[in-house]
Protein backbone atom coordinates (compact mmCIF):
# COMPACT_ATOMS: atom_id res chain seq x y z
CA MET A 1 13.78 -22.13 10.58
CA GLY A 2 10.77 -24.00 9.15
CA ASP A 3 8.42 -21.10 10.00
CA PHE A 4 10.89 -18.62 8.47
CA LYS A 5 10.95 -20.49 5.17
CA LYS A 6 7.18 -20.93 5.27
CA CYS A 7 6.57 -17.18 5.59
CA ARG A 8 8.75 -16.45 2.59
CA ALA A 9 7.13 -19.22 0.54
CA VAL A 10 3.62 -17.98 1.33
CA TRP A 11 4.39 -14.43 0.33
CA ALA A 12 5.97 -15.66 -2.89
CA LEU A 13 2.47 -16.76 -3.98
CA VAL A 14 0.90 -13.33 -3.79
CA PRO A 15 2.59 -11.52 -6.71
CA ALA A 16 1.03 -14.05 -9.10
CA LEU A 17 -2.26 -12.27 -8.48
CA LEU A 18 -0.77 -9.08 -9.86
CA ALA A 19 -1.00 -10.36 -13.42
CA GLY A 20 -4.79 -10.66 -13.15
CA PRO A 21 -7.32 -7.99 -14.07
CA VAL A 22 -7.60 -6.77 -10.50
CA GLN A 23 -3.84 -6.38 -10.06
CA ALA A 24 -4.07 -7.58 -6.45
CA GLN A 25 -1.43 -6.25 -4.13
CA GLN A 26 0.52 -7.71 -1.24
CA VAL A 27 -0.71 -6.70 2.13
CA ALA A 28 0.41 -7.78 5.52
CA PRO A 29 -0.34 -9.20 8.95
CA PRO A 30 -1.80 -7.50 12.00
CA ILE A 31 -0.93 -5.92 15.30
CA VAL A 32 -3.79 -4.88 17.57
CA VAL A 33 -4.09 -1.09 17.41
CA ARG A 34 -5.64 0.00 20.67
CA THR A 35 -3.74 -2.14 23.17
CA LEU A 36 -0.20 -1.79 21.86
CA PRO A 37 2.45 -0.47 24.24
CA PRO A 38 4.89 2.05 22.81
CA VAL A 39 8.22 0.74 21.61
CA ALA A 40 10.46 1.06 24.63
CA ALA A 41 13.88 2.63 24.35
CA GLN A 42 16.63 0.18 25.18
CA PRO A 43 18.23 0.78 28.61
CA GLN A 44 21.79 2.05 28.34
CA ASN A 45 23.09 0.70 31.65
CA ARG A 46 22.75 -3.03 30.98
CA SER A 47 25.79 -5.28 30.83
CA LEU A 48 27.02 -5.45 27.26
CA PRO A 49 28.99 -8.38 25.81
CA THR A 50 32.71 -7.97 25.18
CA LEU A 51 33.87 -8.33 21.60
CA SER A 52 37.11 -9.79 20.33
CA ALA A 53 39.19 -7.63 18.01
CA ALA A 54 38.01 -9.74 15.06
CA GLN A 55 34.39 -9.32 16.12
CA GLU A 56 34.82 -5.55 16.41
CA ALA A 57 36.13 -5.39 12.85
CA GLN A 58 33.35 -7.67 11.59
CA LEU A 59 30.66 -5.70 13.38
CA SER A 60 31.92 -2.39 11.98
CA MET A 61 31.84 -3.84 8.47
CA LEU A 62 28.36 -5.34 8.88
CA LEU A 63 26.93 -2.10 10.20
CA GLY A 64 28.34 -0.08 7.33
CA VAL A 65 26.90 -2.40 4.70
CA ASP A 66 23.60 -3.28 6.33
CA ALA A 67 22.33 0.24 7.10
CA MET A 68 22.22 0.98 3.38
CA GLY A 69 21.00 -2.48 2.36
CA GLN A 70 18.06 -2.37 4.80
CA GLY A 71 16.84 1.00 3.61
CA LEU A 72 17.67 2.96 6.75
CA ARG A 73 19.48 5.60 4.69
CA SER A 74 19.12 6.80 1.13
CA ALA A 75 22.84 7.64 0.95
CA PRO A 76 25.91 6.58 2.97
CA ALA A 77 26.65 8.48 6.16
CA ALA A 78 29.58 10.86 6.17
CA PRO A 79 32.86 9.21 7.28
CA ALA A 80 33.51 9.52 10.99
CA ALA A 81 36.03 8.41 13.57
CA PRO A 82 35.78 4.73 14.59
CA LEU A 83 33.52 3.99 17.57
CA ASP A 84 34.89 2.59 20.80
CA GLN A 85 33.62 -0.90 21.64
CA ALA A 86 30.76 0.17 23.90
CA ALA A 87 29.49 2.68 21.33
CA LEU A 88 29.87 0.09 18.58
CA VAL A 89 27.75 -2.41 20.51
CA ARG A 90 25.10 0.23 21.21
CA ALA A 91 25.06 1.11 17.50
CA ALA A 92 24.60 -2.58 16.65
CA LEU A 93 21.69 -2.92 19.08
CA ASP A 94 20.06 0.22 17.71
CA HIS A 95 20.53 -1.06 14.15
CA ALA A 96 19.05 -4.45 15.07
CA HIS A 97 15.99 -2.81 16.59
CA ALA A 98 15.52 -0.65 13.49
CA VAL A 99 15.84 -3.56 11.04
CA HIS A 100 13.67 -5.95 13.05
CA SER A 101 10.95 -3.60 14.36
CA GLY A 102 11.28 -0.32 12.49
CA ARG A 103 13.32 2.85 12.62
CA LEU A 104 10.54 5.15 13.87
CA ASP A 105 10.00 6.14 17.48
CA PRO A 106 6.40 6.32 18.81
CA ALA A 107 6.35 10.11 18.40
CA ASP A 108 7.09 9.72 14.67
CA PHE A 109 3.83 7.95 13.84
CA GLU A 110 1.02 9.89 12.18
CA LYS A 111 -2.50 9.47 13.60
CA ASN A 112 -3.65 7.39 10.61
CA TRP A 113 -0.69 5.02 10.85
CA GLY A 114 -2.56 2.73 13.22
CA LEU A 115 0.08 -0.01 13.37
CA ARG A 116 2.88 -0.38 15.88
CA PRO A 117 5.68 -2.94 15.91
CA ALA A 118 5.79 -5.38 18.78
CA ALA A 119 8.32 -4.73 21.53
CA TYR A 120 11.71 -6.21 20.73
CA ASP A 121 14.90 -6.44 22.78
CA PRO A 122 17.91 -7.25 20.57
CA LEU A 123 20.41 -7.68 23.40
CA PRO A 124 19.81 -11.39 24.26
CA GLY A 125 20.16 -12.46 20.63
CA PHE A 126 23.20 -10.26 20.12
CA ALA A 127 24.91 -11.58 23.25
CA ASP A 128 24.27 -15.15 22.09
CA ALA A 129 25.69 -14.36 18.64
CA VAL A 130 28.82 -12.89 20.22
CA ARG A 131 29.24 -15.91 22.47
CA ARG A 132 28.87 -18.34 19.54
CA ASP A 133 30.75 -16.08 17.12
CA LYS A 134 27.72 -15.94 14.77
CA LEU A 135 27.38 -12.21 14.19
CA ALA A 136 26.83 -12.50 10.43
CA ALA A 137 24.05 -15.07 10.90
CA TRP A 138 22.42 -12.86 13.55
CA PHE A 139 22.45 -9.88 11.17
CA ALA A 140 20.97 -11.98 8.36
CA ALA A 141 18.04 -13.11 10.54
CA LEU A 142 17.01 -9.60 11.65
CA PRO A 143 14.81 -8.48 8.72
CA PRO A 144 11.13 -9.42 8.41
CA PRO A 145 10.78 -13.07 7.25
CA TYR A 146 8.69 -12.32 4.16
CA SER A 147 9.45 -12.58 0.45
CA GLY A 148 7.77 -9.19 0.03
CA TYR A 149 10.53 -7.61 2.10
CA ASP A 150 13.21 -9.62 0.26
CA GLY A 151 11.92 -8.28 -3.05
CA LEU A 152 12.12 -4.70 -1.84
CA GLU A 153 15.64 -5.26 -0.51
CA LYS A 154 16.76 -6.46 -3.95
CA GLY A 155 14.86 -3.67 -5.68
CA LEU A 156 16.58 -1.13 -3.45
CA GLN A 157 19.96 -2.28 -4.75
CA VAL A 158 18.77 -1.97 -8.36
CA TYR A 159 17.39 1.55 -7.95
CA ARG A 160 20.39 2.72 -5.93
CA ALA A 161 22.55 1.58 -8.84
CA ILE A 162 20.32 3.53 -11.24
CA VAL A 163 20.76 6.64 -9.08
CA ALA A 164 24.54 6.10 -8.98
CA ASN A 165 24.54 5.96 -12.79
CA GLY A 166 22.77 9.30 -13.05
CA GLY A 167 19.14 8.24 -12.81
CA TRP A 168 16.94 9.15 -15.74
CA SER A 169 15.94 12.35 -17.46
CA PRO A 170 12.26 13.33 -17.49
CA VAL A 171 10.27 13.03 -20.67
CA ALA A 172 9.08 16.50 -21.67
CA ALA A 173 5.41 17.37 -21.51
CA GLY A 174 3.46 17.56 -24.74
CA PRO A 175 0.75 15.84 -26.75
CA ASP A 176 -0.04 12.18 -26.08
CA LEU A 177 2.49 9.79 -27.59
CA THR A 178 1.17 6.78 -29.48
CA ILE A 179 2.02 4.52 -32.42
CA GLY A 180 3.34 6.57 -35.32
CA ALA A 181 4.83 9.36 -33.22
CA SER A 182 8.47 10.32 -33.69
CA GLY A 183 10.94 12.99 -32.68
CA ALA A 184 12.91 13.98 -29.58
CA ARG A 185 10.18 13.05 -27.09
CA VAL A 186 9.91 9.51 -28.49
CA ALA A 187 13.70 9.14 -28.32
CA ALA A 188 13.61 10.34 -24.69
CA LEU A 189 10.79 7.90 -23.97
CA ARG A 190 12.80 4.98 -25.32
CA GLN A 191 15.81 5.96 -23.23
CA ARG A 192 13.66 6.31 -20.12
CA LEU A 193 11.88 2.96 -20.54
CA ALA A 194 15.12 1.11 -21.32
CA ILE A 195 16.51 1.89 -17.86
CA GLU A 196 13.82 -0.26 -16.20
CA ASP A 197 13.03 -2.61 -19.10
CA LYS A 198 15.91 -4.44 -20.78
CA ASP A 199 13.70 -5.42 -23.75
CA VAL A 200 13.38 -1.83 -25.01
CA ALA A 201 15.53 -1.03 -28.03
CA ALA A 202 17.64 2.11 -27.81
CA THR A 203 16.53 3.57 -31.14
CA GLY A 204 13.44 3.74 -33.32
CA GLY A 205 10.12 5.50 -33.59
CA PHE A 206 6.91 4.77 -31.71
CA ASP A 207 6.21 1.33 -33.14
CA ALA A 208 4.26 -1.68 -31.85
CA ASP A 209 7.23 -2.85 -29.76
CA LEU A 210 7.46 0.50 -28.01
CA ALA A 211 3.69 0.49 -27.41
CA ALA A 212 4.07 -2.93 -25.76
CA ALA A 213 6.89 -1.55 -23.58
CA VAL A 214 4.64 1.34 -22.55
CA GLN A 215 1.94 -1.17 -21.62
CA ARG A 216 4.42 -3.10 -19.47
CA ALA A 217 5.38 0.11 -17.71
CA GLN A 218 1.73 1.06 -17.19
CA ARG A 219 1.04 -2.31 -15.57
CA ARG A 220 4.05 -1.82 -13.29
CA TYR A 221 2.61 1.53 -12.22
CA GLY A 222 -0.97 0.28 -11.80
CA LEU A 223 -2.25 2.33 -14.76
CA ASN A 224 -4.62 1.42 -17.57
CA PRO A 225 -2.34 -0.39 -20.10
CA THR A 226 -3.41 1.54 -23.19
CA GLY A 227 0.05 1.75 -24.75
CA THR A 228 -0.41 5.50 -25.13
CA VAL A 229 1.69 7.92 -23.08
CA SER A 230 -0.70 10.49 -21.66
CA VAL A 231 -0.58 12.68 -18.55
CA GLN A 232 -0.79 9.90 -15.91
CA THR A 233 1.81 7.71 -17.59
CA LEU A 234 4.13 10.65 -18.08
CA ALA A 235 3.81 11.58 -14.40
CA ALA A 236 4.72 8.03 -13.32
CA LEU A 237 7.69 7.88 -15.69
CA ASN A 238 8.97 11.24 -14.46
CA VAL A 239 9.12 10.29 -10.77
CA SER A 240 12.86 10.45 -10.16
CA ALA A 241 14.98 7.38 -9.43
CA GLY A 242 15.89 8.96 -6.09
CA ASP A 243 12.22 9.23 -5.18
CA ARG A 244 11.74 5.58 -6.13
CA VAL A 245 14.56 4.70 -3.70
CA ARG A 246 12.79 6.60 -0.94
CA GLN A 247 9.50 4.93 -1.85
CA ILE A 248 11.11 1.50 -1.48
CA MET A 249 12.60 2.59 1.87
CA ALA A 250 9.16 3.61 3.14
CA ASN A 251 7.59 0.30 2.17
CA MET A 252 10.43 -1.65 3.79
CA GLU A 253 9.76 0.21 7.02
CA ARG A 254 6.07 -0.74 6.91
CA TRP A 255 7.04 -4.41 6.59
CA ARG A 256 9.10 -4.00 9.77
CA TRP A 257 6.00 -2.96 11.70
CA LEU A 258 4.46 -6.39 11.14
CA PRO A 259 4.68 -9.43 13.42
CA GLN A 260 6.78 -12.46 12.59
CA GLU A 261 3.85 -14.82 12.04
CA LEU A 262 0.72 -14.47 9.93
CA PRO A 263 -2.75 -15.77 10.78
CA ARG A 264 -3.73 -18.32 8.18
CA ASP A 265 -7.15 -16.78 7.52
CA ARG A 266 -7.19 -13.06 6.85
CA ILE A 267 -8.50 -10.23 4.71
CA GLN A 268 -5.96 -7.73 3.43
CA VAL A 269 -6.68 -4.41 1.76
CA ASN A 270 -4.03 -2.45 -0.06
CA ILE A 271 -5.26 1.10 0.44
CA ALA A 272 -3.05 2.67 -2.22
CA ALA A 273 -3.98 0.14 -4.93
CA ALA A 274 -7.61 -0.14 -3.71
CA VAL A 275 -7.62 -3.95 -3.81
CA LEU A 276 -8.89 -6.54 -1.32
CA THR A 277 -7.43 -10.04 -1.05
CA MET A 278 -8.89 -12.88 1.03
CA PHE A 279 -6.55 -15.58 2.35
CA ASP A 280 -7.83 -19.01 3.38
CA GLY A 281 -5.27 -21.24 5.07
CA ASP A 282 -2.45 -18.94 3.92
CA VAL A 283 -3.56 -19.20 0.28
CA PRO A 284 -5.04 -16.18 -1.59
CA VAL A 285 -8.50 -17.36 -2.68
CA MET A 286 -10.36 -14.17 -3.61
CA SER A 287 -9.38 -10.77 -4.89
CA MET A 288 -11.56 -7.82 -5.81
CA ARG A 289 -11.44 -4.14 -6.54
CA ALA A 290 -12.21 -1.73 -3.73
CA VAL A 291 -12.73 2.00 -3.32
CA THR A 292 -10.63 3.55 -0.56
CA GLY A 293 -10.37 6.99 1.01
CA ARG A 294 -9.64 10.02 -1.11
CA PRO A 295 -6.82 12.35 -0.02
CA GLY A 296 -8.18 14.37 2.90
CA ASP A 297 -10.38 11.42 3.95
CA GLU A 298 -7.59 8.86 4.19
CA THR A 299 -8.27 5.22 4.94
CA PRO A 300 -6.05 4.49 7.96
CA MET A 301 -3.57 1.67 8.23
CA LEU A 302 -4.82 -0.67 10.94
CA THR A 303 -5.51 -4.25 11.96
CA SER A 304 -8.58 -5.74 13.60
CA THR A 305 -10.95 -8.73 13.46
CA ILE A 306 -14.24 -9.25 11.62
CA ARG A 307 -16.71 -11.10 13.84
CA SER A 308 -19.97 -10.59 11.99
CA VAL A 309 -21.59 -9.49 8.75
CA VAL A 310 -24.50 -7.02 8.89
CA ILE A 311 -27.07 -7.75 6.19
CA ASN A 312 -29.20 -4.78 5.11
CA PRO A 313 -27.35 -2.30 7.33
CA PRO A 314 -28.70 1.20 8.01
CA TRP A 315 -26.16 3.99 7.69
CA ASN A 316 -25.56 6.12 10.75
CA VAL A 317 -24.17 9.17 9.01
CA PRO A 318 -20.98 10.62 10.53
CA THR A 319 -21.48 14.15 11.81
CA SER A 320 -18.92 15.61 9.42
CA ILE A 321 -20.65 14.16 6.36
CA ALA A 322 -24.08 15.18 7.61
CA THR A 323 -22.95 18.74 8.35
CA ASN A 324 -20.81 19.35 5.28
CA GLU A 325 -22.71 17.44 2.61
CA LEU A 326 -26.21 16.23 3.46
CA TRP A 327 -27.82 19.06 5.44
CA PRO A 328 -26.84 21.60 2.74
CA LYS A 329 -28.56 19.38 0.15
CA GLN A 330 -31.71 19.23 2.28
CA ARG A 331 -31.76 22.98 2.74
CA LYS A 332 -31.58 23.46 -1.04
CA ASP A 333 -34.10 20.68 -1.74
CA LYS A 334 -36.66 20.03 1.02
CA GLY A 335 -37.47 16.57 -0.34
CA TYR A 336 -33.90 15.31 -0.50
CA PHE A 337 -33.95 13.37 2.80
CA LYS A 338 -37.28 11.68 2.07
CA ARG A 339 -36.36 10.62 -1.46
CA ASN A 340 -33.04 9.14 -0.30
CA GLY A 341 -34.27 7.33 2.80
CA PHE A 342 -32.81 9.60 5.48
CA LYS A 343 -34.47 10.28 8.80
CA VAL A 344 -33.49 12.69 11.55
CA ILE A 345 -32.95 11.11 14.97
CA ASP A 346 -33.12 13.16 18.17
CA GLY A 347 -33.31 16.30 16.06
CA THR A 348 -29.66 16.17 15.00
CA ARG A 349 -28.41 12.73 13.91
CA LEU A 350 -29.01 11.40 10.43
CA GLN A 351 -29.64 7.76 9.57
CA GLN A 352 -30.22 6.33 6.11
CA GLN A 353 -32.56 3.37 6.15
CA ALA A 354 -31.48 -0.01 4.82
CA GLY A 355 -32.39 -0.73 1.23
CA THR A 356 -31.33 -0.21 -2.34
CA GLN A 357 -30.51 3.45 -1.73
CA SER A 358 -28.37 2.93 1.34
CA ALA A 359 -24.79 4.14 0.96
CA LEU A 360 -23.74 0.89 2.67
CA GLY A 361 -25.59 -1.30 0.18
CA ARG A 362 -26.66 -4.72 1.44
CA PHE A 363 -23.57 -5.77 3.42
CA LYS A 364 -21.41 -4.24 6.11
CA PHE A 365 -18.33 -5.95 7.58
CA ASP A 366 -17.70 -4.53 11.06
CA PHE A 367 -14.43 -4.60 12.97
CA ASP A 368 -13.39 -2.71 16.08
CA ASN A 369 -11.07 0.22 15.43
CA PRO A 370 -10.62 3.77 16.74
CA TYR A 371 -11.24 5.29 13.28
CA SER A 372 -14.87 4.17 12.76
CA VAL A 373 -14.10 2.64 9.37
CA TYR A 374 -15.31 -0.67 7.96
CA LEU A 375 -15.80 -2.63 4.73
CA HIS A 376 -19.15 -2.32 2.98
CA ASP A 377 -21.24 -2.72 -0.15
CA THR A 378 -22.33 0.28 -2.23
CA PRO A 379 -25.19 1.01 -4.65
CA SER A 380 -22.75 2.93 -6.88
CA HIS A 381 -20.56 0.57 -8.90
CA ALA A 382 -19.23 2.81 -11.66
CA LYS A 383 -16.01 3.65 -9.79
CA PHE A 384 -14.90 0.01 -9.74
CA ALA A 385 -14.24 0.20 -13.48
CA SER A 386 -11.64 2.92 -12.90
CA TYR A 387 -7.92 2.35 -12.33
CA SER A 388 -7.96 5.21 -9.82
CA ARG A 389 -10.33 4.29 -7.00
CA LEU A 390 -9.64 6.64 -4.11
CA ALA A 391 -13.04 8.23 -3.64
CA SER A 392 -14.55 7.24 -0.26
CA HIS A 393 -14.73 9.13 3.04
CA GLY A 394 -12.32 6.58 4.56
CA CYS A 395 -14.28 3.33 4.61
CA VAL A 396 -13.58 0.59 2.07
CA ARG A 397 -16.26 -0.07 -0.54
CA LEU A 398 -16.23 -3.55 -2.10
CA GLU A 399 -16.84 -4.68 -5.65
CA LYS A 400 -18.16 -8.14 -4.68
CA PRO A 401 -19.45 -7.94 -1.08
CA ALA A 402 -21.93 -10.80 -1.48
CA ASP A 403 -19.09 -13.14 -2.50
CA LEU A 404 -17.07 -12.08 0.54
CA ALA A 405 -20.05 -12.57 2.86
CA GLU A 406 -20.64 -16.04 1.47
CA LEU A 407 -17.00 -16.98 1.94
CA LEU A 408 -16.89 -15.68 5.52
CA LEU A 409 -20.14 -17.42 6.50
CA ARG A 410 -19.53 -20.74 4.79
CA GLY A 411 -19.80 -23.73 7.05
CA ASP A 412 -22.69 -22.21 8.99
CA PRO A 413 -25.88 -24.04 7.87
CA ALA A 414 -27.96 -21.01 8.83
CA TRP A 415 -26.15 -18.93 6.24
CA SER A 416 -26.04 -20.87 3.00
CA THR A 417 -25.97 -18.99 -0.29
CA GLU A 418 -29.73 -19.26 -0.42
CA GLY A 419 -30.08 -18.18 3.20
CA ILE A 420 -28.03 -15.05 2.65
CA ALA A 421 -30.01 -14.18 -0.49
CA ALA A 422 -33.29 -14.68 1.35
CA ALA A 423 -32.19 -12.39 4.18
CA VAL A 424 -31.16 -9.71 1.70
CA ASP A 425 -34.50 -9.96 -0.12
CA LYS A 426 -36.49 -9.80 3.11
CA GLY A 427 -34.94 -6.42 3.85
CA ASP A 428 -34.65 -6.69 7.64
CA THR A 429 -31.37 -5.73 9.29
CA VAL A 430 -29.68 -8.92 10.51
CA ARG A 431 -26.27 -9.49 12.10
CA ALA A 432 -24.78 -12.82 11.02
CA LYS A 433 -22.01 -13.91 13.39
CA LEU A 434 -18.97 -15.65 11.97
CA THR A 435 -18.29 -19.08 13.45
CA THR A 436 -14.60 -18.26 13.11
CA PRO A 437 -13.58 -14.58 13.32
CA VAL A 438 -11.26 -13.42 10.55
CA ALA A 439 -8.41 -10.92 10.87
CA VAL A 440 -8.51 -7.86 8.65
CA TYR A 441 -5.60 -5.59 7.73
CA LEU A 442 -5.66 -2.24 5.97
CA LEU A 443 -2.15 -1.58 4.63
CA TYR A 444 -0.53 1.01 2.39
CA TRP A 445 1.72 -0.72 -0.14
CA THR A 446 3.09 1.43 -2.97
CA ALA A 447 6.16 -0.60 -3.96
CA PHE A 448 6.55 -4.35 -4.40
CA SER A 449 8.49 -6.85 -6.46
CA SER A 450 6.88 -9.33 -8.85
CA ALA A 451 7.99 -12.96 -9.14
CA ASN A 452 10.59 -12.13 -11.81
CA GLY A 453 12.19 -9.44 -9.62
CA GLN A 454 10.67 -6.51 -11.53
CA MET A 455 9.76 -3.62 -9.25
CA ASN A 456 6.20 -2.33 -9.34
CA PHE A 457 5.09 1.03 -8.01
CA ARG A 458 1.81 2.72 -7.20
CA ALA A 459 1.12 6.39 -6.68
CA ASP A 460 1.53 7.85 -3.19
CA PRO A 461 -1.87 9.57 -2.95
CA TYR A 462 -1.59 10.42 0.75
CA ASP A 463 2.05 11.59 0.57
CA TRP A 464 2.84 8.97 3.22
CA ASP A 465 5.90 7.59 1.39
CA ARG A 466 7.60 10.97 1.33
CA MET A 467 6.75 11.64 4.98
CA LEU A 468 7.90 8.22 6.15
CA ALA A 469 11.16 8.26 4.19
CA ALA A 470 11.98 11.69 5.65
CA LYS A 471 11.25 10.41 9.18
CA ILE A 472 13.50 7.38 8.63
CA GLU A 473 16.37 9.59 7.46
CA ALA A 474 15.93 12.04 10.33
CA ARG A 475 15.73 9.31 12.96
CA SER A 476 18.78 7.51 11.51
CA ALA A 477 20.77 10.74 11.60
CA ARG A 478 19.83 11.36 15.25
CA GLN A 479 20.72 7.81 16.22
CA THR A 480 24.12 8.13 14.53
CA ILE A 481 24.88 11.27 16.52
CA ALA A 482 23.67 9.62 19.73
CA ALA A 483 25.96 6.62 19.20
CA ARG A 484 28.99 8.88 19.22
């Protein structure tokens, strides 16, 4: 129980970072990608515990309430005939597996969803709960032990209630709305904002108070808080309440793919928000903007371990980038390769030499993964000033790579601040090994709750929320049919 409380307390610290200029985002712990076994289906011929009549009634009630509360359905299932006891127990075991380790089957995962939940057998815990008559306590302990999940669970209730009350009407397209505006669109804007923000008055023009409410909404959506309603803000406001429910469901499922215990030292990247957070002894100690993969060149969800930092790395250009982007530039301009430090190796491969022009900048943070992605510096810093930072080919570019390198290498006398700077200035490619390897996680978080319970959302640039929510619904429907 101490570890359970600790996990929730640790994750309660992270939303405080969201108020800062970087708007850091919660990310989550690892599971090794390449060596994971598939989630095994639970055998159907094992001996199942016998329930008392009271336990049958309790279990039926818990299942009906919990499936909705844990985000396994966006709407209640159609009424059906009561299950016999064996089918009821099988339904409970299936539900427990879904809540604890995720609803998806192995075949449901997309290639870039490089996380898998650990194997989990709910039967021993269920049998013990039946024996001790502790079914409610067993249900309560099934979800992931993180405050991030708790916040989504509460947010799901709020947004389901909004849907039940009719949701919200979209604000019509038109010119930007700012202080001084009035009319039907401003009235619609007030009504829309008031559903999520209790401090918005129901009537009035576009005054300073409404501009402040727009800024609050923009921060919740990860947008530039200008106080003016333009195209991006309008698009975020007009995402339906039902879609927000499905977005919360998708993020709850991703939490269920995570293990029950976090390494104390870790790097976490929220792909959707393009933010990196460094944890030291379970405490967030550094946060910075990142640039992640653009749609079509998605940064995959994965977990791995950083064991070294490459100083002054050359860039071995991926074949796709060389073929589609760089060779055409060289054919149009015969001096392009020479001016930009590229050389042709073995007549076909391209490598960009280390230096100020290198696309990898001065630092590269390697970690094993089947996607050939990594964290790295960049000579182009303009994109970090943007609130929309999905622009890479899949790797993660960092705003402050030197600071991260210094933090990872601290404690090694060979790599003091001065030693790192000297190695960079010398220009030779050097691999600095970490005395203590650090776990790294690339996660896709688009919905989370702040400390005051307010839900925050980010755009779904890869369309993964929609895909995942649909897979959850489809798998839940199939499992319901199978239980009968």
